């Protein structure tokens, strides 16, 4: 298992780099957020569980952490992927090796240790329970039990943990570049007394993510986007640059016509 080797310098660099990439490849990154997400008790750790449909998923979790929450970020990444991109360990990533089932318990226990570690900031774990990239409209969603098993281990150490559904969708709307939409649902506070087990929690996560994705898709379809907050605004795409140039040329031509008219007068 590759463990976290956090570095503030790498974190600072990755913050700059990821923003630069989002501005380059997207028209905007917009976020919908239900009440309660930013009002969580900072003493209680949180597990963010998300659908896994895009290569970009590893980039927007640090962006949200920095700009919306200021939490202590942790991300589970598949071993082979993390081995190729080791710098992610410097911003809070650690690995899960799906080819070695015997290593899973130690990885899940390590995740629980990170979430229950004494820290001034809220400990947060971002996990993609599908375990692989699948189409955003794939139904039914099939989740591995890793996220729920981590919650079980956390509850052995402390009385409660938050679980929060977050979904993402990339769509082309009125611009040449696509839009990245993220949506957070209200946190579920799971307590030790009320916890029904990993199977039930996994089923709840699957159901919640499916309905959450459908809800986000409908908002985008009917263009009900007023409630979204823009995290990143992209650089001008070709269509916006050409429109700006056309307006400038028309304005410049208009000035020349008016100048010629005044001279004749």
Protein backbone atom coordinates (compact mmCIF):
# COMPACT_ATOMS: atom_id res chain seq x y z
CA UNK A 1 0.00 0.00 0.00
CA UNK A 2 1.21 3.48 -0.87
CA UNK A 3 0.54 5.80 2.05
CA UNK A 4 -0.01 9.54 2.35
CA UNK A 5 3.18 11.64 2.28
CA UNK A 6 1.62 15.07 2.56
CA UNK A 7 3.53 18.15 1.40
CA UNK A 8 2.23 21.71 1.56
CA UNK A 9 4.49 22.65 -1.36
CA UNK A 10 3.03 19.95 -3.63
CA UNK A 11 -0.46 20.90 -2.46
CA UNK A 12 0.16 24.53 -3.39
CA UNK A 13 1.54 23.53 -6.79
CA UNK A 14 -1.35 21.16 -7.52
CA UNK A 15 -3.88 23.86 -6.60
CA UNK A 16 -2.34 26.15 -9.21
CA UNK A 17 -1.99 23.38 -11.79
CA UNK A 18 -5.54 22.01 -11.46
CA UNK A 19 -7.10 25.47 -11.74
CA UNK A 20 -5.03 26.10 -14.84
CA UNK A 21 -6.27 22.84 -16.37
CA UNK A 22 -9.90 23.58 -15.56
CA UNK A 23 -9.65 27.05 -17.08
CA UNK A 24 -8.04 25.59 -20.18
CA UNK A 25 -10.43 22.71 -20.86
CA UNK A 26 -13.78 23.82 -19.39
CA UNK A 27 -16.03 26.80 -19.87
CA UNK A 28 -16.82 26.65 -16.14
CA UNK A 29 -16.91 24.45 -13.05
CA UNK A 30 -20.24 24.94 -11.26
CA UNK A 31 -21.44 23.51 -7.95
CA UNK A 32 -24.89 22.85 -6.50
CA UNK A 33 -24.92 22.45 -2.73
CA UNK A 34 -27.79 21.56 -0.42
CA UNK A 35 -28.05 23.15 3.05
CA UNK A 36 -25.94 21.56 5.76
CA UNK A 37 -22.91 20.58 3.68
CA UNK A 38 -20.80 23.55 4.76
CA UNK A 39 -22.26 23.53 8.29
CA UNK A 40 -20.98 20.09 9.34
CA UNK A 41 -19.47 19.70 12.81
CA UNK A 42 -15.73 19.96 12.18
CA UNK A 43 -15.02 17.47 14.96
CA UNK A 44 -16.81 14.72 13.03
CA UNK A 45 -15.04 13.19 10.00
CA UNK A 46 -16.76 12.96 6.63
CA UNK A 47 -16.74 10.44 3.79
CA UNK A 48 -17.61 11.93 0.39
CA UNK A 49 -18.75 9.18 -1.98
CA UNK A 50 -19.05 9.96 -5.69
CA UNK A 51 -19.86 8.43 -9.05
CA UNK A 52 -16.82 7.69 -11.20
CA UNK A 53 -17.44 8.68 -14.83
CA UNK A 54 -14.49 10.84 -15.86
CA UNK A 55 -10.71 11.05 -15.89
CA UNK A 56 -11.13 14.45 -14.21
CA UNK A 57 -12.51 13.02 -10.95
CA UNK A 58 -9.12 13.11 -9.26
CA UNK A 59 -8.78 16.83 -9.96
CA UNK A 60 -11.96 18.39 -8.65
CA UNK A 61 -11.89 16.86 -5.15
CA UNK A 62 -8.81 18.93 -4.12
CA UNK A 63 -10.39 21.99 -5.76
CA UNK A 64 -13.58 21.60 -3.69
CA UNK A 65 -11.61 20.88 -0.52
CA UNK A 66 -9.58 24.05 -0.91
CA UNK A 67 -12.31 26.42 -2.03
CA UNK A 68 -15.40 25.15 -0.17
CA UNK A 69 -14.32 23.26 2.94
CA UNK A 70 -10.63 23.77 3.95
CA UNK A 71 -10.60 20.19 5.23
CA UNK A 72 -7.75 17.74 5.60
CA UNK A 73 -8.06 15.88 2.32
CA UNK A 74 -7.59 12.14 1.75
CA UNK A 75 -8.34 10.25 -1.48
CA UNK A 76 -8.29 6.53 -2.25
CA UNK A 77 -6.76 5.78 -5.66
CA UNK A 78 -6.28 2.37 -7.28
CA UNK A 79 -2.72 1.14 -6.77
CA UNK A 80 -1.66 0.98 -10.42
CA UNK A 81 -2.92 4.49 -11.08
CA UNK A 82 -1.25 5.92 -7.99
CA UNK A 83 2.01 4.20 -8.87
CA UNK A 84 1.96 6.09 -12.20
CA UNK A 85 1.14 9.39 -10.51
CA UNK A 86 2.95 9.21 -7.18
CA UNK A 87 2.73 12.97 -6.59
CA UNK A 88 -0.91 12.44 -5.53
CA UNK A 89 0.40 10.95 -2.26
CA UNK A 90 1.77 14.43 -1.55
CA UNK A 91 -1.73 15.92 -1.54
CA UNK A 92 -3.40 13.21 0.56
CA UNK A 93 -3.83 10.12 -1.65
CA UNK A 94 -3.19 6.50 -0.70
CA UNK A 95 -3.71 3.27 -2.62
CA UNK A 96 -6.06 0.30 -2.69
CA UNK A 97 -4.74 -2.71 -4.61
CA UNK A 98 -7.75 -4.58 -6.01
CA UNK A 99 -5.49 -7.38 -7.32
CA UNK A 100 -4.54 -8.30 -3.73
CA UNK A 101 -7.71 -8.90 -1.67
CA UNK A 102 -5.67 -9.84 1.39
CA UNK A 103 -4.38 -6.26 1.55
CA UNK A 104 -7.86 -4.69 1.65
CA UNK A 105 -8.45 -4.91 5.44
CA UNK A 106 -5.21 -3.09 6.22
CA UNK A 107 -6.05 -0.37 3.67
CA UNK A 108 -9.54 0.13 5.11
CA UNK A 109 -8.12 0.28 8.63
CA UNK A 110 -5.54 2.83 7.47
CA UNK A 111 -8.35 4.96 6.03
CA UNK A 112 -10.19 4.82 9.36
CA UNK A 113 -7.01 5.87 11.19
CA UNK A 114 -6.66 8.90 8.93
CA UNK A 115 -10.28 9.90 9.49
CA UNK A 116 -10.05 9.60 13.27
CA UNK A 117 -6.66 11.25 13.60
CA UNK A 118 -6.63 14.26 15.93
CA UNK A 119 -6.46 17.36 13.75
CA UNK A 120 -7.53 21.00 13.83
CA UNK A 121 -9.31 20.66 10.49
CA UNK A 122 -12.11 18.26 9.64
CA UNK A 123 -10.76 14.96 8.30
CA UNK A 124 -12.32 14.12 4.92
CA UNK A 125 -12.08 11.07 2.68
CA UNK A 126 -13.10 11.10 -0.99
CA UNK A 127 -13.92 7.71 -2.46
CA UNK A 128 -15.41 6.39 -5.71
CA UNK A 129 -17.20 3.16 -4.70
CA UNK A 130 -17.72 1.96 -8.30
CA UNK A 131 -14.00 1.21 -8.35
CA UNK A 132 -13.66 1.98 -12.06
CA UNK A 133 -14.77 4.56 -14.61
CA UNK A 134 -18.24 3.83 -16.00
CA UNK A 135 -20.62 5.87 -18.15
CA UNK A 136 -22.43 8.55 -16.18
CA UNK A 137 -25.82 7.05 -17.18
CA UNK A 138 -24.89 3.49 -16.23
CA UNK A 139 -27.76 1.84 -14.29
CA UNK A 140 -27.87 0.16 -11.94
CA UNK A 141 -24.79 1.43 -10.16
CA UNK A 142 -22.80 -1.29 -8.43
CA UNK A 143 -20.77 -0.14 -5.42
CA UNK A 144 -18.03 -2.03 -3.65
CA UNK A 145 -18.43 -2.09 0.13
CA UNK A 146 -15.18 -0.22 0.82
CA UNK A 147 -16.75 3.11 1.77
CA UNK A 148 -19.23 1.48 4.14
CA UNK A 149 -16.52 -0.77 5.62
CA UNK A 150 -14.42 2.31 6.35
CA UNK A 151 -17.43 3.88 8.08
CA UNK A 152 -17.75 0.69 10.18
CA UNK A 153 -14.15 0.95 11.30
CA UNK A 154 -14.51 4.66 12.07
CA UNK A 155 -17.54 3.92 14.26
CA UNK A 156 -15.46 1.44 16.26
CA UNK A 157 -13.27 4.37 17.29
CA UNK A 158 -15.66 7.36 17.53
CA UNK A 159 -19.45 7.75 17.92
CA UNK A 160 -20.38 9.14 14.49
CA UNK A 161 -19.31 9.95 10.94
CA UNK A 162 -20.84 11.94 8.08
CA UNK A 163 -21.43 10.45 4.64
CA UNK A 164 -22.13 12.85 1.78
CA UNK A 165 -23.22 12.11 -1.77
CA UNK A 166 -21.51 14.11 -4.51
CA UNK A 167 -22.07 13.55 -8.21
CA UNK A 168 -20.49 15.01 -11.33
CA UNK A 169 -21.61 15.47 -14.90
CA UNK A 170 -19.87 17.02 -17.93
CA UNK A 171 -22.12 18.57 -20.57
CA UNK A 172 -21.81 20.75 -23.65
CA UNK A 173 -24.30 23.61 -23.51
CA UNK A 174 -23.99 26.96 -25.32
CA UNK A 175 -20.21 27.10 -25.48
CA UNK A 176 -17.47 25.34 -27.41
CA UNK A 177 -15.96 24.08 -24.16
CA UNK A 178 -17.92 21.74 -21.87
CA UNK A 179 -19.32 22.57 -18.44
CA UNK A 180 -18.42 20.53 -15.34
CA UNK A 181 -21.32 20.33 -12.89
CA UNK A 182 -20.88 19.06 -9.32
CA UNK A 183 -23.68 18.53 -6.82
CA UNK A 184 -23.53 17.90 -3.05
CA UNK A 185 -26.49 16.49 -1.15
CA UNK A 186 -27.31 17.06 2.52
CA UNK A 187 -24.98 15.07 4.82
CA UNK A 188 -26.19 11.90 6.51
CA UNK A 189 -24.90 11.64 10.08
CA UNK A 190 -24.32 7.95 10.80
CA UNK A 191 -24.14 7.14 14.50
CA UNK A 192 -22.81 4.03 16.17
CA UNK A 193 -26.21 3.32 17.80
CA UNK A 194 -28.19 3.56 14.55
CA UNK A 195 -25.68 1.92 12.19
CA UNK A 196 -27.26 -1.09 10.46
CA UNK A 197 -24.13 -2.51 8.84
CA UNK A 198 -22.01 -2.19 5.70
CA UNK A 199 -24.50 -3.91 3.39
CA UNK A 200 -27.33 -1.52 4.26
CA UNK A 201 -25.12 1.55 4.03
CA UNK A 202 -23.76 0.45 0.63
CA UNK A 203 -27.30 -0.07 -0.68
CA UNK A 204 -28.25 3.39 0.60
CA UNK A 205 -25.24 4.96 -1.15
CA UNK A 206 -26.09 3.27 -4.45
CA UNK A 207 -29.71 4.39 -4.31
CA UNK A 208 -28.76 7.93 -3.28
CA UNK A 209 -26.16 8.30 -6.04
CA UNK A 210 -28.56 7.08 -8.75
CA UNK A 211 -31.33 9.50 -7.70
CA UNK A 212 -28.78 12.28 -7.24
CA UNK A 213 -27.42 11.80 -10.77
CA UNK A 214 -30.94 11.80 -12.21
CA UNK A 215 -31.73 15.00 -10.32
CA UNK A 216 -28.59 16.75 -11.63
CA UNK A 217 -29.28 15.55 -15.18
CA UNK A 218 -32.80 16.99 -15.06
CA UNK A 219 -31.55 20.35 -13.78
CA UNK A 220 -29.14 20.56 -16.69
CA UNK A 221 -31.75 19.40 -19.22
CA UNK A 222 -34.24 22.12 -18.28
CA UNK A 223 -31.45 24.67 -17.67
CA UNK A 224 -32.38 25.17 -14.01
CA UNK A 225 -28.89 26.40 -13.16
CA UNK A 226 -29.50 29.55 -11.12
CA UNK A 227 -28.57 27.89 -7.83
CA UNK A 228 -25.10 26.85 -8.97
CA UNK A 229 -21.97 28.59 -7.70
CA UNK A 230 -19.12 29.01 -10.19
CA UNK A 231 -15.81 27.73 -8.76
CA UNK A 232 -13.73 28.24 -11.89
CA UNK A 233 -14.44 30.29 -15.00
CA UNK A 234 -12.65 29.03 -18.08
CA UNK A 235 -10.58 31.06 -20.50
CA UNK A 236 -12.38 32.29 -23.59
CA UNK A 237 -13.12 29.59 -26.15
CA UNK A 238 -12.88 30.07 -29.92
CA UNK A 239 -16.53 31.05 -30.28
CA UNK A 240 -16.27 33.71 -27.55
CA UNK A 241 -13.06 35.12 -29.00
CA UNK A 242 -14.54 35.29 -32.50
CA UNK A 243 -17.68 36.99 -31.17
CA UNK A 244 -15.57 39.54 -29.30
CA UNK A 245 -13.52 40.20 -32.43
CA UNK A 246 -16.67 40.63 -34.51
CA UNK A 247 -18.09 43.13 -32.02
CA UNK A 248 -14.79 45.03 -32.03
CA UNK A 249 -14.69 45.13 -35.83
CA UNK A 250 -18.30 46.32 -36.03
CA UNK A 251 -17.64 49.00 -33.43
CA UNK A 252 -14.45 50.08 -35.21
CA UNK A 253 -16.26 50.20 -38.58
CA UNK A 254 -19.02 52.25 -36.99
CA UNK A 255 -16.53 54.76 -35.65
CA UNK A 256 -14.92 55.14 -39.10
CA UNK A 257 -18.32 55.74 -40.74
CA UNK A 258 -19.22 58.37 -38.15
CA UNK A 259 -15.82 60.05 -38.56
CA UNK A 260 -16.23 60.23 -42.31
CA UNK A 261 -19.75 61.63 -41.91
CA UNK A 262 -18.53 64.37 -39.53
CA UNK A 263 -15.79 65.41 -42.00
CA UNK A 264 -18.37 65.84 -44.75
CA UNK A 265 -20.43 68.06 -42.47
